[in-house]
Amino acid sequence: MINTDELSVQVKRNSGKFESMKLKDLNDISVGQLKSFEYKKDKTIEALYGRRGELFGMVMIELK
């Protein structure tokens, strides 16, 4: 079983910087704020995030 409180999501804010959020905090983002939503699981994610990246991949969200 996966504890969703432990999964990280990368959110790109208006400033252009990525910010790490916990999956449970996504309720603070409204659908109207979304520009793109992407799931990545590749060697780059694995290199950046290690074992977690390899197992779960990474959710990348870009806001308007």
PDB file of N, CA and C in Angstrom:
ATOM      1  N   MET A   1       0.845  -1.184   0.000  1.00  0.00           N
ATOM      2  CA  MET A   1       0.000   0.000   0.000  1.00  0.00           C
ATOM      3  C   MET A   1       0.885   1.240   0.000  1.00  0.00           C
ATOM      4  N   ILE A   2       0.506   2.219  -0.779  1.00  0.00           N
ATOM      5  CA  ILE A   2       1.252   3.468  -0.860  1.00  0.00           C
ATOM      6  C   ILE A   2       0.587   4.510   0.019  1.00  0.00           C
ATOM      7  N   ASN A   3       1.366   5.135   0.874  1.00  0.00           N
ATOM      8  CA  ASN A   3       0.871   6.228   1.693  1.00  0.00           C
ATOM      9  C   ASN A   3       0.985   7.502   0.872  1.00  0.00           C
ATOM     10  N   THR A   4      -0.148   8.075   0.453  1.00  0.00           N
ATOM     11  CA  THR A   4      -0.122   9.238  -0.441  1.00  0.00           C
ATOM     12  C   THR A   4       0.482  10.461   0.220  1.00  0.00           C
ATOM     13  N   ASP A   5       0.565  10.496   1.534  1.00  0.00           N
ATOM     14  CA  ASP A   5       1.190  11.627   2.216  1.00  0.00           C
ATOM     15  C   ASP A   5       2.682  11.683   1.929  1.00  0.00           C
ATOM     16  N   GLU A   6       3.263  10.577   1.493  1.00  0.00           N
ATOM     17  CA  GLU A   6       4.695  10.508   1.265  1.00  0.00           C
ATOM     18  C   GLU A   6       5.093  10.769  -0.190  1.00  0.00           C
ATOM     19  N   LEU A   7       4.153  10.729  -1.115  1.00  0.00           N
ATOM     20  CA  LEU A   7       4.481  10.922  -2.517  1.00  0.00           C
ATOM     21  C   LEU A   7       4.676  12.399  -2.830  1.00  0.00           C
ATOM     22  N   SER A   8       5.719  12.704  -3.589  1.00  0.00           N
ATOM     23  CA  SER A   8       6.003  14.090  -3.945  1.00  0.00           C
ATOM     24  C   SER A   8       5.493  14.410  -5.341  1.00  0.00           C
ATOM     25  N   VAL A   9       5.110  15.648  -5.509  1.00  0.00           N
ATOM     26  CA  VAL A   9       4.658  16.170  -6.786  1.00  0.00           C
ATOM     27  C   VAL A   9       5.451  17.447  -7.033  1.00  0.00           C
ATOM     28  N   GLN A  10       5.931  17.638  -8.263  1.00  0.00           N
ATOM     29  CA  GLN A  10       6.650  18.854  -8.610  1.00  0.00           C
ATOM     30  C   GLN A  10       5.671  19.815  -9.274  1.00  0.00           C
ATOM     31  N   VAL A  11       5.550  21.031  -8.735  1.00  0.00           N
ATOM     32  CA  VAL A  11       4.626  22.033  -9.242  1.00  0.00           C
ATOM     33  C   VAL A  11       5.432  23.218  -9.751  1.00  0.00           C
ATOM     34  N   LYS A  12       5.192  23.603 -11.021  1.00  0.00           N
ATOM     35  CA  LYS A  12       5.857  24.764 -11.590  1.00  0.00           C
ATOM     36  C   LYS A  12       4.936  25.965 -11.420  1.00  0.00           C
ATOM     37  N   ARG A  13       5.373  26.915 -10.635  1.00  0.00           N
ATOM     38  CA  ARG A  13       4.590  28.117 -10.339  1.00  0.00           C
ATOM     39  C   ARG A  13       4.790  29.167 -11.430  1.00  0.00           C
ATOM     40  N   ASN A  14       4.080  30.275 -11.328  1.00  0.00           N
ATOM     41  CA  ASN A  14       4.184  31.379 -12.295  1.00  0.00           C
ATOM     42  C   ASN A  14       5.609  31.902 -12.412  1.00  0.00           C
ATOM     43  N   SER A  15       6.375  31.814 -11.349  1.00  0.00           N
ATOM     44  CA  SER A  15       7.747  32.309 -11.337  1.00  0.00           C
ATOM     45  C   SER A  15       8.672  31.464 -12.213  1.00  0.00           C
ATOM     46  N   GLY A  16       8.207  30.288 -12.632  1.00  0.00           N
ATOM     47  CA  GLY A  16       9.016  29.397 -13.446  1.00  0.00           C
ATOM     48  C   GLY A  16       9.813  28.402 -12.630  1.00  0.00           C
ATOM     49  N   LYS A  17       9.743  28.519 -11.318  1.00  0.00           N
ATOM     50  CA  LYS A  17      10.471  27.605 -10.440  1.00  0.00           C
ATOM     51  C   LYS A  17       9.587  26.432 -10.042  1.00  0.00           C
ATOM     52  N   PHE A  18      10.227  25.260  -9.950  1.00  0.00           N
ATOM     53  CA  PHE A  18       9.508  24.082  -9.486  1.00  0.00           C
ATOM     54  C   PHE A  18       9.548  24.025  -7.973  1.00  0.00           C
ATOM     55  N   GLU A  19       8.446  23.585  -7.409  1.00  0.00           N
ATOM     56  CA  GLU A  19       8.304  23.472  -5.957  1.00  0.00           C
ATOM     57  C   GLU A  19       7.786  22.069  -5.654  1.00  0.00           C
ATOM     58  N   SER A  20       8.341  21.442  -4.665  1.00  0.00           N
ATOM     59  CA  SER A  20       7.906  20.102  -4.286  1.00  0.00           C
ATOM     60  C   SER A  20       6.724  20.210  -3.327  1.00  0.00           C
ATOM     61  N   MET A  21       5.686  19.446  -3.606  1.00  0.00           N
ATOM     62  CA  MET A  21       4.509  19.407  -2.746  1.00  0.00           C
ATOM     63  C   MET A  21       4.201  17.951  -2.435  1.00  0.00           C
ATOM     64  N   LYS A  22       3.505  17.719  -1.377  1.00  0.00           N
ATOM     65  CA  LYS A  22       3.009  16.385  -1.066  1.00  0.00           C
ATOM     66  C   LYS A  22       1.683  16.194  -1.801  1.00  0.00           C
ATOM     67  N   LEU A  23       1.396  14.982  -2.177  1.00  0.00           N
ATOM     68  CA  LEU A  23       0.194  14.684  -2.936  1.00  0.00           C
ATOM     69  C   LEU A  23      -1.062  15.158  -2.216  1.00  0.00           C
ATOM     70  N   LYS A  24      -1.080  15.058  -0.901  1.00  0.00           N
ATOM     71  CA  LYS A  24      -2.268  15.466  -0.141  1.00  0.00           C
ATOM     72  C   LYS A  24      -2.531  16.970  -0.242  1.00  0.00           C
ATOM     73  N   ASP A  25      -1.505  17.771  -0.566  1.00  0.00           N
ATOM     74  CA  ASP A  25      -1.659  19.227  -0.658  1.00  0.00           C
ATOM     75  C   ASP A  25      -2.213  19.690  -2.004  1.00  0.00           C
ATOM     76  N   LEU A  26      -2.432  18.775  -2.931  1.00  0.00           N
ATOM     77  CA  LEU A  26      -2.955  19.156  -4.240  1.00  0.00           C
ATOM     78  C   LEU A  26      -4.379  19.697  -4.164  1.00  0.00           C
ATOM     79  N   ASN A  27      -5.064  19.438  -3.085  1.00  0.00           N
ATOM     80  CA  ASN A  27      -6.415  19.980  -2.921  1.00  0.00           C
ATOM     81  C   ASN A  27      -6.409  21.497  -2.893  1.00  0.00           C
ATOM     82  N   ASP A  28      -5.253  22.092  -2.629  1.00  0.00           N
ATOM     83  CA  ASP A  28      -5.131  23.547  -2.592  1.00  0.00           C
ATOM     84  C   ASP A  28      -5.060  24.152  -3.987  1.00  0.00           C
ATOM     85  N   ILE A  29      -4.930  23.330  -5.017  1.00  0.00           N
ATOM     86  CA  ILE A  29      -4.833  23.811  -6.396  1.00  0.00           C
ATOM     87  C   ILE A  29      -6.160  23.550  -7.101  1.00  0.00           C
ATOM     88  N   SER A  30      -6.734  24.589  -7.688  1.00  0.00           N
ATOM     89  CA  SER A  30      -7.994  24.412  -8.408  1.00  0.00           C
ATOM     90  C   SER A  30      -7.708  24.013  -9.859  1.00  0.00           C
ATOM     91  N   VAL A  31      -8.678  23.390 -10.479  1.00  0.00           N
ATOM     92  CA  VAL A  31      -8.534  22.937 -11.862  1.00  0.00           C
ATOM     93  C   VAL A  31      -8.278  24.122 -12.789  1.00  0.00           C
ATOM     94  N   GLY A  32      -8.845  25.268 -12.481  1.00  0.00           N
ATOM     95  CA  GLY A  32      -8.656  26.464 -13.300  1.00  0.00           C
ATOM     96  C   GLY A  32      -7.224  26.975 -13.310  1.00  0.00           C
ATOM     97  N   GLN A  33      -6.430  26.577 -12.339  1.00  0.00           N
ATOM     98  CA  GLN A  33      -5.034  27.001 -12.263  1.00  0.00           C
ATOM     99  C   GLN A  33      -4.110  26.127 -13.106  1.00  0.00           C
ATOM    100  N   LEU A  34      -4.573  24.959 -13.548  1.00  0.00           N
ATOM    101  CA  LEU A  34      -3.712  24.005 -14.247  1.00  0.00           C
ATOM    102  C   LEU A  34      -3.428  24.425 -15.684  1.00  0.00           C
ATOM    103  N   LYS A  35      -2.162  24.375 -16.053  1.00  0.00           N
ATOM    104  CA  LYS A  35      -1.754  24.576 -17.443  1.00  0.00           C
ATOM    105  C   LYS A  35      -1.435  23.217 -18.066  1.00  0.00           C
ATOM    106  N   SER A  36      -0.691  22.383 -17.329  1.00  0.00           N
ATOM    107  CA  SER A  36      -0.394  21.032 -17.804  1.00  0.00           C
ATOM    108  C   SER A  36      -0.200  20.098 -16.621  1.00  0.00           C
ATOM    109  N   PHE A  37      -0.416  18.823 -16.890  1.00  0.00           N
ATOM    110  CA  PHE A  37      -0.309  17.766 -15.890  1.00  0.00           C
ATOM    111  C   PHE A  37       0.360  16.599 -16.583  1.00  0.00           C
ATOM    112  N   GLU A  38       1.493  16.138 -16.056  1.00  0.00           N
ATOM    113  CA  GLU A  38       2.260  15.099 -16.734  1.00  0.00           C
ATOM    114  C   GLU A  38       2.859  14.126 -15.720  1.00  0.00           C
ATOM    115  N   TYR A  39       2.826  12.865 -16.073  1.00  0.00           N
ATOM    116  CA  TYR A  39       3.461  11.832 -15.266  1.00  0.00           C
ATOM    117  C   TYR A  39       4.704  11.374 -16.004  1.00  0.00           C
ATOM    118  N   LYS A  40       5.843  11.384 -15.322  1.00  0.00           N
ATOM    119  CA  LYS A  40       7.099  10.965 -15.944  1.00  0.00           C
ATOM    120  C   LYS A  40       7.716   9.828 -15.141  1.00  0.00           C
ATOM    121  N   LYS A  41       8.219   8.851 -15.864  1.00  0.00           N
ATOM    122  CA  LYS A  41       8.956   7.762 -15.230  1.00  0.00           C
ATOM    123  C   LYS A  41      10.010   7.320 -16.235  1.00  0.00           C
ATOM    124  N   ASP A  42      11.179   7.903 -16.117  1.00  0.00           N
ATOM    125  CA  ASP A  42      12.260   7.566 -17.029  1.00  0.00           C
ATOM    126  C   ASP A  42      13.592   7.642 -16.294  1.00  0.00           C
ATOM    127  N   LYS A  43      14.658   7.442 -16.996  1.00  0.00           N
ATOM    128  CA  LYS A  43      15.995   7.417 -16.390  1.00  0.00           C
ATOM    129  C   LYS A  43      16.366   8.764 -15.765  1.00  0.00           C
ATOM    130  N   THR A  44      15.902   9.869 -16.334  1.00  0.00           N
ATOM    131  CA  THR A  44      16.194  11.192 -15.771  1.00  0.00           C
ATOM    132  C   THR A  44      15.561  11.342 -14.395  1.00  0.00           C
ATOM    133  N   ILE A  45      14.316  10.949 -14.271  1.00  0.00           N
ATOM    134  CA  ILE A  45      13.614  11.027 -12.983  1.00  0.00           C
ATOM    135  C   ILE A  45      14.293  10.106 -11.980  1.00  0.00           C
ATOM    136  N   GLU A  46      14.683   8.933 -12.429  1.00  0.00           N
ATOM    137  CA  GLU A  46      15.381   7.997 -11.551  1.00  0.00           C
ATOM    138  C   GLU A  46      16.707   8.591 -11.070  1.00  0.00           C
ATOM    139  N   ALA A  47      17.428   9.255 -11.964  1.00  0.00           N
ATOM    140  CA  ALA A  47      18.713   9.865 -11.591  1.00  0.00           C
ATOM    141  C   ALA A  47      18.520  11.006 -10.594  1.00  0.00           C
ATOM    142  N   LEU A  48      17.465  11.777 -10.762  1.00  0.00           N
ATOM    143  CA  LEU A  48      17.212  12.927  -9.878  1.00  0.00           C
ATOM    144  C   LEU A  48      16.665  12.519  -8.513  1.00  0.00           C
ATOM    145  N   TYR A  49      15.781  11.515  -8.498  1.00  0.00           N
ATOM    146  CA  TYR A  49      15.064  11.186  -7.271  1.00  0.00           C
ATOM    147  C   TYR A  49      15.371   9.808  -6.713  1.00  0.00           C
ATOM    148  N   GLY A  50      16.322   9.112  -7.336  1.00  0.00           N
ATOM    149  CA  GLY A  50      16.756   7.827  -6.808  1.00  0.00           C
ATOM    150  C   GLY A  50      15.686   6.758  -6.850  1.00  0.00           C
ATOM    151  N   ARG A  51      15.671   5.935  -5.826  1.00  0.00           N
ATOM    152  CA  ARG A  51      14.778   4.778  -5.758  1.00  0.00           C
ATOM    153  C   ARG A  51      13.308   5.169  -5.845  1.00  0.00           C
ATOM    154  N   ARG A  52      12.937   6.271  -5.209  1.00  0.00           N
ATOM    155  CA  ARG A  52      11.536   6.732  -5.279  1.00  0.00           C
ATOM    156  C   ARG A  52      11.143   7.046  -6.723  1.00  0.00           C
ATOM    157  N   GLY A  53      12.041   7.715  -7.437  1.00  0.00           N
ATOM    158  CA  GLY A  53      11.771   8.037  -8.832  1.00  0.00           C
ATOM    159  C   GLY A  53      11.621   6.789  -9.680  1.00  0.00           C
ATOM    160  N   GLU A  54      12.448   5.790  -9.379  1.00  0.00           N
ATOM    161  CA  GLU A  54      12.391   4.532 -10.119  1.00  0.00           C
ATOM    162  C   GLU A  54      11.077   3.799  -9.842  1.00  0.00           C
ATOM    163  N   LEU A  55      10.662   3.780  -8.586  1.00  0.00           N
ATOM    164  CA  LEU A  55       9.452   3.044  -8.206  1.00  0.00           C
ATOM    165  C   LEU A  55       8.165   3.753  -8.611  1.00  0.00           C
ATOM    166  N   PHE A  56       8.088   5.042  -8.323  1.00  0.00           N
ATOM    167  CA  PHE A  56       6.823   5.755  -8.467  1.00  0.00           C
ATOM    168  C   PHE A  56       6.770   6.723  -9.639  1.00  0.00           C
ATOM    169  N   GLY A  57       7.917   7.133 -10.159  1.00  0.00           N
ATOM    170  CA  GLY A  57       7.914   8.170 -11.163  1.00  0.00           C
ATOM    171  C   GLY A  57       7.670   9.518 -10.491  1.00  0.00           C
ATOM    172  N   MET A  58       7.275  10.515 -11.268  1.00  0.00           N
ATOM    173  CA  MET A  58       7.061  11.855 -10.724  1.00  0.00           C
ATOM    174  C   MET A  58       5.894  12.505 -11.465  1.00  0.00           C
ATOM    175  N   VAL A  59       5.041  13.160 -10.725  1.00  0.00           N
ATOM    176  CA  VAL A  59       3.955  13.934 -11.300  1.00  0.00           C
ATOM    177  C   VAL A  59       4.451  15.368 -11.417  1.00  0.00           C
ATOM    178  N   MET A  60       4.374  15.921 -12.641  1.00  0.00           N
ATOM    179  CA  MET A  60       4.803  17.291 -12.900  1.00  0.00           C
ATOM    180  C   MET A  60       3.574  18.112 -13.253  1.00  0.00           C
ATOM    181  N   ILE A  61       3.333  19.177 -12.512  1.00  0.00           N
ATOM    182  CA  ILE A  61       2.178  20.027 -12.741  1.00  0.00           C
ATOM    183  C   ILE A  61       2.676  21.437 -13.032  1.00  0.00           C
ATOM    184  N   GLU A  62       2.154  22.038 -14.106  1.00  0.00           N
ATOM    185  CA  GLU A  62       2.499  23.428 -14.417  1.00  0.00           C
ATOM    186  C   GLU A  62       1.236  24.272 -14.257  1.00  0.00           C
ATOM    187  N   LEU A  63       1.367  25.356 -13.516  1.00  0.00           N
ATOM    188  CA  LEU A  63       0.241  26.248 -13.276  1.00  0.00           C
ATOM    189  C   LEU A  63       0.258  27.418 -14.255  1.00  0.00           C
ATOM    190  N   LYS A  64      -0.905  27.985 -14.511  1.00  0.00           N
ATOM    191  CA  LYS A  64      -1.014  29.147 -15.410  1.00  0.00           C
ATOM    192  C   LYS A  64      -0.390  30.355 -14.791  1.00  0.00           C
TER     193      LYS A  64
END
